[in-house]
Protein backbone atom coordinates (compact mmCIF):
# COMPACT_ATOMS: atom_id res chain seq x y z
CA UNK A 1 76.68 226.69 110.04
CA UNK A 2 74.97 225.27 113.14
CA UNK A 3 74.51 221.94 111.36
CA UNK A 4 78.15 222.00 110.30
CA UNK A 5 79.29 222.55 113.89
CA UNK A 6 77.06 219.74 115.08
CA UNK A 7 78.51 217.31 112.54
CA UNK A 8 82.04 218.45 113.41
CA UNK A 9 81.46 217.87 117.13
CA UNK A 10 79.89 214.50 116.41
CA UNK A 11 82.91 213.47 114.30
CA UNK A 12 85.36 214.50 117.01
CA UNK A 13 83.36 212.56 119.61
CA UNK A 14 83.27 209.39 117.48
CA UNK A 15 87.00 209.65 116.78
CA UNK A 16 87.73 210.17 120.47
CA UNK A 17 85.68 207.12 121.47
CA UNK A 18 87.26 205.03 118.71
CA UNK A 19 90.81 206.01 119.65
CA UNK A 20 90.11 205.46 123.33
CA UNK A 21 88.68 202.00 122.62
CA UNK A 22 91.63 201.11 120.39
CA UNK A 23 94.11 202.14 123.05
CA UNK A 24 92.22 200.20 125.71
CA UNK A 25 92.11 197.12 123.49
CA UNK A 26 95.86 197.33 122.89
CA UNK A 27 96.50 197.51 126.63
CA UNK A 28 94.26 194.51 127.19
CA UNK A 29 96.05 192.54 124.49
CA UNK A 30 99.43 193.38 126.02
CA UNK A 31 98.20 192.30 129.45
CA UNK A 32 96.87 189.03 128.03
CA UNK A 33 100.15 188.34 126.24
CA UNK A 34 102.18 188.62 129.43
CA UNK A 35 102.26 185.12 130.94
CA UNK A 36 104.14 184.51 134.19
CA UNK A 37 106.32 181.48 133.46
CA UNK A 38 108.54 181.70 136.54
CA UNK A 39 106.66 179.03 138.52
CA UNK A 40 107.35 176.53 135.72
CA UNK A 41 111.08 177.24 135.55
CA UNK A 42 112.19 175.87 138.92
CA UNK A 43 114.38 172.90 139.81
CA UNK A 44 113.23 169.28 139.59
CA UNK A 45 111.13 168.37 142.62
CA UNK A 46 110.34 171.95 143.65
CA UNK A 47 106.65 171.45 142.80
CA UNK A 48 106.35 167.99 144.39
CA UNK A 49 103.78 168.98 147.02
CA UNK A 50 101.78 171.01 144.51
CA UNK A 51 101.60 167.99 142.20
CA UNK A 52 100.76 165.48 144.93
CA UNK A 53 98.23 167.49 146.95
CA UNK A 54 95.30 169.76 146.15
CA UNK A 55 96.35 172.50 148.56
CA UNK A 56 97.25 175.00 145.83
CA UNK A 57 96.27 173.27 142.57
CA UNK A 58 93.40 170.84 141.96
CA UNK A 59 93.94 170.25 138.24
CA UNK A 60 96.84 169.03 136.10
CA UNK A 61 97.12 170.32 132.54
CA UNK A 62 99.71 168.25 130.67
CA UNK A 63 101.01 169.33 127.28
CA UNK A 64 102.08 166.35 125.18
CA UNK A 65 104.39 167.99 122.65
CA UNK A 66 105.53 165.49 120.03
CA UNK A 67 107.39 165.51 116.76
CA UNK A 68 105.24 164.42 113.81
CA UNK A 69 105.17 160.63 113.69
CA UNK A 70 106.31 160.20 117.30
CA UNK A 71 103.09 160.60 119.27
CA UNK A 72 102.95 158.31 122.33
CA UNK A 73 100.54 155.39 122.30
CA UNK A 74 97.03 155.78 123.66
CA UNK A 75 97.58 152.80 125.97
CA UNK A 76 100.62 154.43 127.57
CA UNK A 77 98.80 157.71 128.15
CA UNK A 78 95.90 155.88 129.79
CA UNK A 79 98.25 153.99 132.12
CA UNK A 80 100.16 157.20 132.84
CA UNK A 81 97.04 159.16 133.87
CA UNK A 82 95.92 156.19 136.00
CA UNK A 83 99.32 156.31 137.74
CA UNK A 84 98.89 160.02 138.47
CA UNK A 85 95.40 159.53 139.87
CA UNK A 86 96.63 156.64 142.01
CA UNK A 87 99.38 158.65 143.71
CA UNK A 88 98.07 162.24 143.70
CA UNK A 89 94.80 163.84 144.73
CA UNK A 90 94.28 165.32 141.26
CA UNK A 91 90.92 164.10 139.95
CA UNK A 92 90.98 166.39 136.93
CA UNK A 93 93.84 165.65 134.53
CA UNK A 94 93.70 167.11 131.04
CA UNK A 95 96.04 166.15 128.20
CA UNK A 96 96.55 168.59 125.33
CA UNK A 97 98.49 167.44 122.27
CA UNK A 98 100.84 169.72 120.38
CA UNK A 99 102.27 168.32 117.13
CA UNK A 100 105.60 169.88 116.19
CA UNK A 101 108.00 169.72 113.25
CA UNK A 102 111.27 167.89 113.68
CA UNK A 103 114.21 170.01 114.89
CA UNK A 104 116.29 167.95 112.41
CA UNK A 105 118.99 167.03 114.92
CA UNK A 106 120.97 163.78 114.96
CA UNK A 107 121.01 163.93 118.78
CA UNK A 108 119.82 166.32 121.46
CA UNK A 109 121.64 167.83 124.42
CA UNK A 110 119.59 168.83 127.44
CA UNK A 111 120.29 172.46 126.65
CA UNK A 112 118.83 172.03 123.16
CA UNK A 113 115.78 170.33 124.67
CA UNK A 114 115.29 173.27 127.04
CA UNK A 115 115.60 175.68 124.11
CA UNK A 116 112.92 173.73 122.22
CA UNK A 117 110.65 174.03 125.24
CA UNK A 118 111.15 177.78 125.30
CA UNK A 119 110.08 177.96 121.65
CA UNK A 120 107.18 175.49 121.77
CA UNK A 121 105.62 175.27 125.23
CA UNK A 122 102.08 176.67 125.37
CA UNK A 123 100.79 175.75 128.87
CA UNK A 124 101.79 177.34 132.17
CA UNK A 125 100.36 177.48 135.69
CA UNK A 126 97.15 179.48 135.90
CA UNK A 127 94.81 179.84 138.86
CA UNK A 128 94.26 176.39 140.39
CA UNK A 129 95.72 174.60 137.35
CA UNK A 130 99.28 173.26 137.43
CA UNK A 131 100.84 172.82 133.98
CA UNK A 132 103.31 170.11 132.90
CA UNK A 133 105.28 169.92 129.64
CA UNK A 134 106.44 166.58 128.15
CA UNK A 135 108.34 166.52 124.84
CA UNK A 136 108.45 163.33 122.77
CA UNK A 137 111.52 163.60 120.57
CA UNK A 138 112.51 162.05 117.25
CA UNK A 139 116.21 162.23 118.16
CA UNK A 140 118.23 160.30 120.75
CA UNK A 141 120.12 161.84 123.64
CA UNK A 142 123.68 162.98 123.16
CA UNK A 143 126.17 160.14 123.58
CA UNK A 144 123.74 157.21 123.25
CA UNK A 145 125.13 153.75 122.49
CA UNK A 146 122.23 151.46 121.53
CA UNK A 147 124.47 148.47 120.80
CA UNK A 148 125.98 148.70 124.27
CA UNK A 149 122.60 149.24 125.91
CA UNK A 150 123.70 152.69 127.09
CA UNK A 151 120.78 154.76 125.89
CA UNK A 152 118.70 157.45 127.56
CA UNK A 153 114.93 157.06 127.35
CA UNK A 154 113.91 160.11 129.33
CA UNK A 155 115.01 162.91 131.62
CA UNK A 156 113.56 165.56 133.91
CA UNK A 157 115.27 168.92 134.04
CA UNK A 158 112.81 171.34 135.67
CA UNK A 159 109.92 171.15 138.14
CA UNK A 160 107.34 170.73 135.36
CA UNK A 161 109.45 169.69 132.36
CA UNK A 162 110.32 166.29 130.92
CA UNK A 163 111.82 164.78 127.76
CA UNK A 164 110.98 161.33 126.38
CA UNK A 165 113.25 160.12 123.57
CA UNK A 166 110.46 158.35 121.70
CA UNK A 167 112.71 157.24 118.86
CA UNK A 168 114.88 155.38 121.38
CA UNK A 169 111.86 154.01 123.23
CA UNK A 170 110.69 152.35 120.03
CA UNK A 171 114.13 151.00 119.19
CA UNK A 172 114.48 149.50 122.66
CA UNK A 173 111.02 147.90 122.56
CA UNK A 174 111.93 146.19 119.28
CA UNK A 175 114.75 144.31 121.03
CA UNK A 176 112.36 142.13 123.04
CA UNK A 177 109.44 140.04 121.77
CA UNK A 178 107.80 140.13 125.22
CA UNK A 179 107.81 143.92 125.61
CA UNK A 180 105.83 146.44 123.56
CA UNK A 181 106.23 150.16 122.96
CA UNK A 182 103.48 151.20 125.36
CA UNK A 183 105.13 149.26 128.20
CA UNK A 184 108.42 151.10 127.70
CA UNK A 185 106.64 154.45 127.34
CA UNK A 186 104.62 153.89 130.52
CA UNK A 187 107.62 152.82 132.59
CA UNK A 188 109.68 155.78 131.39
CA UNK A 189 106.89 158.30 131.99
CA UNK A 190 106.10 156.94 135.44
CA UNK A 191 109.74 156.81 136.52
CA UNK A 192 110.46 160.36 135.41
CA UNK A 193 107.24 161.67 136.93
CA UNK A 194 108.30 159.98 140.16
CA UNK A 195 111.10 162.55 140.24
CA UNK A 196 108.53 165.33 139.79
CA UNK A 197 106.82 163.78 142.85
CA UNK A 198 110.14 164.60 144.55
CA UNK A 199 111.50 161.04 144.66
CA UNK A 200 114.01 160.13 145.95
CA UNK A 201 114.93 162.94 148.36
CA UNK A 202 114.54 165.33 145.44
CA UNK A 203 111.97 167.70 146.92
CA UNK A 204 110.13 165.07 148.99
CA UNK A 205 111.87 164.13 152.23
CA UNK A 206 112.48 160.45 152.94
CA UNK A 207 110.54 158.94 155.84
CA UNK A 208 113.23 156.25 156.06
CA UNK A 209 116.59 156.35 154.33
CA UNK A 210 116.33 154.33 151.12
CA UNK A 211 118.42 156.37 148.68
CA UNK A 212 120.94 154.54 146.53
CA UNK A 213 124.46 155.71 145.70
CA UNK A 214 126.55 155.68 142.55
CA UNK A 215 130.08 156.63 141.61
CA UNK A 216 130.71 160.14 140.34
CA UNK A 217 133.40 161.10 137.83
CA UNK A 218 135.98 161.11 140.63
CA UNK A 219 135.12 157.56 141.66
CA UNK A 220 133.42 158.66 144.88
CA UNK A 221 130.08 157.24 146.05
CA UNK A 222 127.38 159.91 146.12
CA UNK A 223 123.60 159.91 146.69
CA UNK A 224 121.87 159.66 143.32
CA UNK A 225 118.17 160.42 144.05
CA UNK A 226 117.08 156.87 143.29
CA UNK A 227 115.66 154.05 145.41
CA UNK A 228 117.74 151.17 146.75
CA UNK A 229 114.76 148.81 147.19
CA UNK A 230 114.64 145.79 144.86
CA UNK A 231 112.03 145.96 142.11
CA UNK A 232 111.09 149.60 142.72
CA UNK A 233 110.23 151.78 139.74
CA UNK A 234 112.61 154.42 141.12
CA UNK A 235 115.61 152.09 141.40
CA UNK A 236 118.74 153.21 139.56
CA UNK A 237 121.01 150.19 139.63
CA UNK A 238 120.77 146.98 137.62
CA UNK A 239 122.88 143.94 136.87
CA UNK A 240 123.42 142.99 133.24
CA UNK A 241 125.63 140.83 131.05
CA UNK A 242 124.90 137.45 132.66
CA UNK A 243 127.45 136.71 135.40
CA UNK A 244 129.62 139.71 134.72
CA UNK A 245 128.15 141.49 137.72
CA UNK A 246 128.80 144.86 136.16
CA UNK A 247 126.59 147.65 137.43
CA UNK A 248 125.08 150.49 135.46
CA UNK A 249 123.47 153.56 136.95
CA UNK A 250 120.83 155.78 135.40
CA UNK A 251 121.81 158.96 137.19
CA UNK A 252 123.82 161.32 135.04
CA UNK A 253 123.55 164.81 136.49
CA UNK A 254 124.86 167.60 134.30
CA UNK A 255 124.91 171.38 134.72
CA UNK A 256 124.30 173.58 131.68
CA UNK A 257 125.04 177.17 130.82
CA UNK A 258 121.76 178.68 132.03
CA UNK A 259 121.60 176.59 135.21
CA UNK A 260 119.47 173.75 133.84
CA UNK A 261 120.32 170.49 135.56
CA UNK A 262 119.15 166.97 134.82
CA UNK A 263 117.73 165.34 137.93
CA UNK A 264 117.78 161.98 136.16
CA UNK A 265 118.53 160.47 132.80
CA UNK A 266 116.87 157.09 132.53
CA UNK A 267 118.89 154.26 131.00
CA UNK A 268 117.31 151.93 128.46
CA UNK A 269 119.01 148.93 130.06
CA UNK A 270 117.36 149.75 133.38
CA UNK A 271 113.90 149.87 131.84
CA UNK A 272 114.44 146.71 129.82
CA UNK A 273 115.57 144.89 132.95
CA UNK A 274 112.60 146.14 135.01
CA UNK A 275 110.11 145.19 132.33
CA UNK A 276 111.57 141.73 131.80
CA UNK A 277 111.48 141.08 135.54
CA UNK A 278 107.86 142.21 135.81
CA UNK A 279 106.78 140.32 132.69
CA UNK A 280 108.14 137.17 134.27
CA UNK A 281 105.96 137.92 137.32
CA UNK A 282 102.89 138.50 135.16
CA UNK A 283 102.91 142.31 135.48
CA UNK A 284 103.54 144.68 132.57
CA UNK A 285 105.17 147.59 134.36
CA UNK A 286 106.98 148.24 137.66
CA UNK A 287 105.46 150.17 140.55
CA UNK A 288 106.66 152.21 143.50
CA UNK A 289 107.89 150.29 146.54
CA UNK A 290 106.70 150.77 150.13
CA UNK A 291 109.40 153.31 151.02
CA UNK A 292 108.62 155.57 148.06
CA UNK A 293 104.90 155.33 148.84
CA UNK A 294 105.58 156.41 152.44
CA UNK A 295 107.53 159.41 151.16
CA UNK A 296 104.88 160.75 148.79
CA UNK A 297 102.09 160.15 151.31
CA UNK A 298 104.03 162.23 153.86
CA UNK A 299 104.31 165.06 151.30
CA UNK A 300 100.61 165.23 150.48
CA UNK A 301 100.22 162.31 148.07
CA UNK A 302 97.37 159.83 148.06
CA UNK A 303 99.54 156.75 148.71
């Protein structure tokens, strides 16, 4: 009987420890699963200082989410990381690739892009690491007109979120024998990331006024968060069509149901024009002008 009691007590003790451990493990798993995403769901430009300086974050973790078959070129990613190191104090920049199935859409609205991010994004701010999400899509933007040159290559819509319409990038690059895919990718990435730097007056204050204006739907001139300096990567306006003198602006701000707003949608014609101008000068891609450099330096950037 004494032995029986001993075995019974031993069994109860083992069960108690096992149950306690299981409950503790479940709590730990639940804690681990709860990721604070709020800092990555702010407006475009809200994290400009955090990206440019090392005050709060000293590492960038960039998720390159791409549809199968639409991964960006290695050359473009190298030039992109060089651009980040040139203008920020981030010495540690890590790229993680996330291959995704096609959403099977003929075109994508910004709201659909945001929904895809919600489903697929895996990196978020943690400790001293600031996380960025860039989606390379196999579908064009809603309302594109390739024949008319009115196509969107990329857009930013949150403080750490960006879309690159890779299918359109490749189509645009094919229109010019002097421009390759990596050049278009690099220019698009760098321009859009310039807005995450807070340019122009989009989270980073201007040292000197150099913001351009464009007409809104009512025909009124409004500030458009782009640079008015000739040849700048952040310029919005271009001339096309020979002597027609017609102007086209990249800025197309739209408000969506859950408050998502595009800070910039980058026109293919703008990029093609910039690249052709720089190719003629012997340079592959455009850079930031003096005014934009002053702005980011004043907000914690390297130069």
